[in-house]
Amino acid sequence: MLANFAVNKRNRRWRLCKYSRQSAEDEFYRQTRQEQEKILNFNILFDFSLDFAFK
């Protein structure tokens, strides 16, 4: 449990999921998916603004 606590302190993504490995992986993939969606949304907006600027 102490090692788990050290891992949770080191890595913010795993902090909420102290006990089960599955929930820790789910949390990790959920957060990476959110980051990818943010990047994707930014790229879509950027492409749209470029299209709008050059028409």
PDB file of N, CA and C in Angstrom:
ATOM      1  N   MET A   1       0.831  -1.196   0.000  1.00  0.00           N
ATOM      2  CA  MET A   1       0.000   0.000   0.000  1.00  0.00           C
ATOM      3  C   MET A   1       0.874   1.257   0.000  1.00  0.00           C
ATOM      4  N   LEU A   2       2.012   1.178   0.670  1.00  0.00           N
ATOM      5  CA  LEU A   2       2.913   2.334   0.697  1.00  0.00           C
ATOM      6  C   LEU A   2       3.486   2.600  -0.696  1.00  0.00           C
ATOM      7  N   ALA A   3       3.841   1.519  -1.391  1.00  0.00           N
ATOM      8  CA  ALA A   3       4.360   1.680  -2.753  1.00  0.00           C
ATOM      9  C   ALA A   3       3.282   2.278  -3.657  1.00  0.00           C
ATOM     10  N   ASN A   4       2.049   1.835  -3.451  1.00  0.00           N
ATOM     11  CA  ASN A   4       0.942   2.375  -4.229  1.00  0.00           C
ATOM     12  C   ASN A   4       0.803   3.872  -3.992  1.00  0.00           C
ATOM     13  N   PHE A   5       0.945   4.266  -2.742  1.00  0.00           N
ATOM     14  CA  PHE A   5       0.822   5.683  -2.410  1.00  0.00           C
ATOM     15  C   PHE A   5       1.925   6.496  -3.078  1.00  0.00           C
ATOM     16  N   ALA A   6       3.147   5.924  -3.116  1.00  0.00           N
ATOM     17  CA  ALA A   6       4.259   6.627  -3.768  1.00  0.00           C
ATOM     18  C   ALA A   6       3.992   6.779  -5.261  1.00  0.00           C
ATOM     19  N   VAL A   7       3.471   5.727  -5.882  1.00  0.00           N
ATOM     20  CA  VAL A   7       3.145   5.813  -7.307  1.00  0.00           C
ATOM     21  C   VAL A   7       2.079   6.880  -7.528  1.00  0.00           C
ATOM     22  N   ASN A   8       1.078   6.901  -6.645  1.00  0.00           N
ATOM     23  CA  ASN A   8       0.005   7.877  -6.804  1.00  0.00           C
ATOM     24  C   ASN A   8       0.521   9.299  -6.609  1.00  0.00           C
ATOM     25  N   LYS A   9       1.471   9.469  -5.709  1.00  0.00           N
ATOM     26  CA  LYS A   9       2.035  10.808  -5.529  1.00  0.00           C
ATOM     27  C   LYS A   9       2.832  11.224  -6.752  1.00  0.00           C
ATOM     28  N   ARG A  10       3.547  10.262  -7.345  1.00  0.00           N
ATOM     29  CA  ARG A  10       4.411  10.604  -8.470  1.00  0.00           C
ATOM     30  C   ARG A  10       3.601  10.925  -9.716  1.00  0.00           C
ATOM     31  N   ASN A  11       2.526  10.212  -9.915  1.00  0.00           N
ATOM     32  CA  ASN A  11       1.794  10.335 -11.171  1.00  0.00           C
ATOM     33  C   ASN A  11       0.355  10.729 -10.871  1.00  0.00           C
ATOM     34  N   ARG A  12      -0.010  11.945 -11.247  1.00  0.00           N
ATOM     35  CA  ARG A  12      -1.324  12.453 -10.892  1.00  0.00           C
ATOM     36  C   ARG A  12      -2.458  11.643 -11.495  1.00  0.00           C
ATOM     37  N   ARG A  13      -2.216  11.021 -12.665  1.00  0.00           N
ATOM     38  CA  ARG A  13      -3.291  10.299 -13.323  1.00  0.00           C
ATOM     39  C   ARG A  13      -3.781   9.117 -12.520  1.00  0.00           C
ATOM     40  N   TRP A  14      -2.864   8.519 -11.745  1.00  0.00           N
ATOM     41  CA  TRP A  14      -3.210   7.282 -11.036  1.00  0.00           C
ATOM     42  C   TRP A  14      -3.635   7.571  -9.604  1.00  0.00           C
ATOM     43  N   ARG A  15      -3.704   8.855  -9.223  1.00  0.00           N
ATOM     44  CA  ARG A  15      -3.905   9.206  -7.818  1.00  0.00           C
ATOM     45  C   ARG A  15      -5.260   8.735  -7.291  1.00  0.00           C
ATOM     46  N   LEU A  16      -6.296   8.819  -8.122  1.00  0.00           N
ATOM     47  CA  LEU A  16      -7.635   8.507  -7.634  1.00  0.00           C
ATOM     48  C   LEU A  16      -7.887   7.014  -7.501  1.00  0.00           C
ATOM     49  N   CYS A  17      -7.046   6.194  -8.148  1.00  0.00           N
ATOM     50  CA  CYS A  17      -7.319   4.759  -8.197  1.00  0.00           C
ATOM     51  C   CYS A  17      -6.238   4.033  -7.425  1.00  0.00           C
ATOM     52  N   LYS A  18      -6.424   3.899  -6.124  1.00  0.00           N
ATOM     53  CA  LYS A  18      -5.338   3.367  -5.302  1.00  0.00           C
ATOM     54  C   LYS A  18      -5.299   1.853  -5.302  1.00  0.00           C
ATOM     55  N   TYR A  19      -6.438   1.197  -5.486  1.00  0.00           N
ATOM     56  CA  TYR A  19      -6.478  -0.215  -5.112  1.00  0.00           C
ATOM     57  C   TYR A  19      -6.510  -1.158  -6.299  1.00  0.00           C
ATOM     58  N   SER A  20      -7.362  -0.913  -7.279  1.00  0.00           N
ATOM     59  CA  SER A  20      -7.456  -1.908  -8.346  1.00  0.00           C
ATOM     60  C   SER A  20      -6.744  -1.423  -9.587  1.00  0.00           C
ATOM     61  N   ARG A  21      -5.998  -2.317 -10.188  1.00  0.00           N
ATOM     62  CA  ARG A  21      -5.224  -1.973 -11.376  1.00  0.00           C
ATOM     63  C   ARG A  21      -6.138  -1.634 -12.546  1.00  0.00           C
ATOM     64  N   GLN A  22      -7.272  -2.342 -12.643  1.00  0.00           N
ATOM     65  CA  GLN A  22      -8.187  -2.108 -13.755  1.00  0.00           C
ATOM     66  C   GLN A  22      -8.737  -0.681 -13.727  1.00  0.00           C
ATOM     67  N   SER A  23      -9.136  -0.226 -12.560  1.00  0.00           N
ATOM     68  CA  SER A  23      -9.687   1.127 -12.490  1.00  0.00           C
ATOM     69  C   SER A  23      -8.603   2.160 -12.776  1.00  0.00           C
ATOM     70  N   ALA A  24      -7.365   1.864 -12.397  1.00  0.00           N
ATOM     71  CA  ALA A  24      -6.273   2.788 -12.700  1.00  0.00           C
ATOM     72  C   ALA A  24      -6.064   2.880 -14.210  1.00  0.00           C
ATOM     73  N   GLU A  25      -6.105   1.727 -14.891  1.00  0.00           N
ATOM     74  CA  GLU A  25      -5.952   1.758 -16.343  1.00  0.00           C
ATOM     75  C   GLU A  25      -7.121   2.478 -17.002  1.00  0.00           C
ATOM     76  N   ASP A  26      -8.338   2.238 -16.500  1.00  0.00           N
ATOM     77  CA  ASP A  26      -9.496   2.926 -17.061  1.00  0.00           C
ATOM     78  C   ASP A  26      -9.362   4.431 -16.915  1.00  0.00           C
ATOM     79  N   GLU A  27      -8.904   4.867 -15.738  1.00  0.00           N
ATOM     80  CA  GLU A  27      -8.735   6.299 -15.503  1.00  0.00           C
ATOM     81  C   GLU A  27      -7.674   6.875 -16.446  1.00  0.00           C
ATOM     82  N   PHE A  28      -6.586   6.144 -16.620  1.00  0.00           N
ATOM     83  CA  PHE A  28      -5.507   6.604 -17.499  1.00  0.00           C
ATOM     84  C   PHE A  28      -6.018   6.761 -18.934  1.00  0.00           C
ATOM     85  N   TYR A  29      -6.746   5.728 -19.435  1.00  0.00           N
ATOM     86  CA  TYR A  29      -7.212   5.809 -20.808  1.00  0.00           C
ATOM     87  C   TYR A  29      -8.291   6.867 -20.969  1.00  0.00           C
ATOM     88  N   ARG A  30      -9.110   7.062 -19.940  1.00  0.00           N
ATOM     89  CA  ARG A  30     -10.144   8.093 -20.023  1.00  0.00           C
ATOM     90  C   ARG A  30      -9.483   9.473 -20.142  1.00  0.00           C
ATOM     91  N   GLN A  31      -8.441   9.719 -19.352  1.00  0.00           N
ATOM     92  CA  GLN A  31      -7.809  11.035 -19.402  1.00  0.00           C
ATOM     93  C   GLN A  31      -7.033  11.233 -20.702  1.00  0.00           C
ATOM     94  N   THR A  32      -6.354  10.187 -21.198  1.00  0.00           N
ATOM     95  CA  THR A  32      -5.638  10.369 -22.456  1.00  0.00           C
ATOM     96  C   THR A  32      -6.628  10.592 -23.592  1.00  0.00           C
ATOM     97  N   ARG A  33      -7.787   9.926 -23.533  1.00  0.00           N
ATOM     98  CA  ARG A  33      -8.791  10.141 -24.572  1.00  0.00           C
ATOM     99  C   ARG A  33      -9.311  11.580 -24.522  1.00  0.00           C
ATOM    100  N   GLN A  34      -9.501  12.122 -23.314  1.00  0.00           N
ATOM    101  CA  GLN A  34      -9.930  13.517 -23.209  1.00  0.00           C
ATOM    102  C   GLN A  34      -8.883  14.457 -23.796  1.00  0.00           C
ATOM    103  N   GLU A  35      -7.612  14.193 -23.543  1.00  0.00           N
ATOM    104  CA  GLU A  35      -6.561  15.048 -24.102  1.00  0.00           C
ATOM    105  C   GLU A  35      -6.551  14.966 -25.619  1.00  0.00           C
ATOM    106  N   GLN A  36      -6.722  13.754 -26.165  1.00  0.00           N
ATOM    107  CA  GLN A  36      -6.748  13.608 -27.618  1.00  0.00           C
ATOM    108  C   GLN A  36      -7.942  14.342 -28.217  1.00  0.00           C
ATOM    109  N   GLU A  37      -9.095  14.306 -27.528  1.00  0.00           N
ATOM    110  CA  GLU A  37     -10.256  15.021 -28.038  1.00  0.00           C
ATOM    111  C   GLU A  37     -10.020  16.520 -28.029  1.00  0.00           C
ATOM    112  N   LYS A  38      -9.354  17.032 -26.991  1.00  0.00           N
ATOM    113  CA  LYS A  38      -9.041  18.461 -26.961  1.00  0.00           C
ATOM    114  C   LYS A  38      -8.164  18.842 -28.144  1.00  0.00           C
ATOM    115  N   ILE A  39      -7.124  18.038 -28.407  1.00  0.00           N
ATOM    116  CA  ILE A  39      -6.227  18.326 -29.530  1.00  0.00           C
ATOM    117  C   ILE A  39      -7.001  18.271 -30.846  1.00  0.00           C
ATOM    118  N   LEU A  40      -7.860  17.245 -30.973  1.00  0.00           N
ATOM    119  CA  LEU A  40      -8.630  17.087 -32.201  1.00  0.00           C
ATOM    120  C   LEU A  40      -9.572  18.271 -32.407  1.00  0.00           C
ATOM    121  N   ASN A  41     -10.244  18.697 -31.348  1.00  0.00           N
ATOM    122  CA  ASN A  41     -11.146  19.840 -31.464  1.00  0.00           C
ATOM    123  C   ASN A  41     -10.387  21.094 -31.867  1.00  0.00           C
ATOM    124  N   PHE A  42      -9.207  21.290 -31.309  1.00  0.00           N
ATOM    125  CA  PHE A  42      -8.406  22.451 -31.669  1.00  0.00           C
ATOM    126  C   PHE A  42      -8.017  22.390 -33.144  1.00  0.00           C
ATOM    127  N   ASN A  43      -7.617  21.193 -33.620  1.00  0.00           N
ATOM    128  CA  ASN A  43      -7.229  21.073 -35.021  1.00  0.00           C
ATOM    129  C   ASN A  43      -8.404  21.350 -35.945  1.00  0.00           C
ATOM    130  N   ILE A  44      -9.599  20.856 -35.566  1.00  0.00           N
ATOM    131  CA  ILE A  44     -10.776  21.107 -36.399  1.00  0.00           C
ATOM    132  C   ILE A  44     -11.069  22.603 -36.449  1.00  0.00           C
ATOM    133  N   LEU A  45     -11.013  23.271 -35.309  1.00  0.00           N
ATOM    134  CA  LEU A  45     -11.267  24.711 -35.283  1.00  0.00           C
ATOM    135  C   LEU A  45     -10.221  25.463 -36.096  1.00  0.00           C
ATOM    136  N   PHE A  46      -8.972  25.046 -35.979  1.00  0.00           N
ATOM    137  CA  PHE A  46      -7.897  25.722 -36.695  1.00  0.00           C
ATOM    138  C   PHE A  46      -8.076  25.556 -38.203  1.00  0.00           C
ATOM    139  N   ASP A  47      -8.395  24.320 -38.635  1.00  0.00           N
ATOM    140  CA  ASP A  47      -8.635  24.095 -40.068  1.00  0.00           C
ATOM    141  C   ASP A  47      -9.812  24.927 -40.551  1.00  0.00           C
ATOM    142  N   PHE A  48     -10.859  24.993 -39.754  1.00  0.00           N
ATOM    143  CA  PHE A  48     -12.044  25.755 -40.151  1.00  0.00           C
ATOM    144  C   PHE A  48     -11.708  27.241 -40.276  1.00  0.00           C
ATOM    145  N   SER A  49     -10.923  27.757 -39.324  1.00  0.00           N
ATOM    146  CA  SER A  49     -10.585  29.179 -39.384  1.00  0.00           C
ATOM    147  C   SER A  49      -9.683  29.461 -40.589  1.00  0.00           C
ATOM    148  N   LEU A  50      -8.800  28.528 -40.957  1.00  0.00           N
ATOM    149  CA  LEU A  50      -7.975  28.731 -42.150  1.00  0.00           C
ATOM    150  C   LEU A  50      -8.845  28.737 -43.409  1.00  0.00           C
ATOM    151  N   ASP A  51      -9.790  27.791 -43.482  1.00  0.00           N
ATOM    152  CA  ASP A  51     -10.693  27.771 -44.636  1.00  0.00           C
ATOM    153  C   ASP A  51     -11.463  29.077 -44.731  1.00  0.00           C
ATOM    154  N   PHE A  52     -11.918  29.571 -43.592  1.00  0.00           N
ATOM    155  CA  PHE A  52     -12.714  30.791 -43.577  1.00  0.00           C
ATOM    156  C   PHE A  52     -11.863  31.998 -43.983  1.00  0.00           C
ATOM    157  N   ALA A  53     -10.594  31.989 -43.587  1.00  0.00           N
ATOM    158  CA  ALA A  53      -9.732  33.143 -43.861  1.00  0.00           C
ATOM    159  C   ALA A  53      -9.369  33.235 -45.340  1.00  0.00           C
ATOM    160  N   PHE A  54      -9.247  32.105 -46.024  1.00  0.00           N
ATOM    161  CA  PHE A  54      -8.758  32.135 -47.400  1.00  0.00           C
ATOM    162  C   PHE A  54      -9.861  31.993 -48.438  1.00  0.00           C
ATOM    163  N   LYS A  55     -11.119  32.124 -48.005  1.00  0.00           N
ATOM    164  CA  LYS A  55     -12.192  32.060 -48.999  1.00  0.00           C
ATOM    165  C   LYS A  55     -12.594  33.437 -49.459  1.00  0.00           C
TER     166      LYS A  55
END
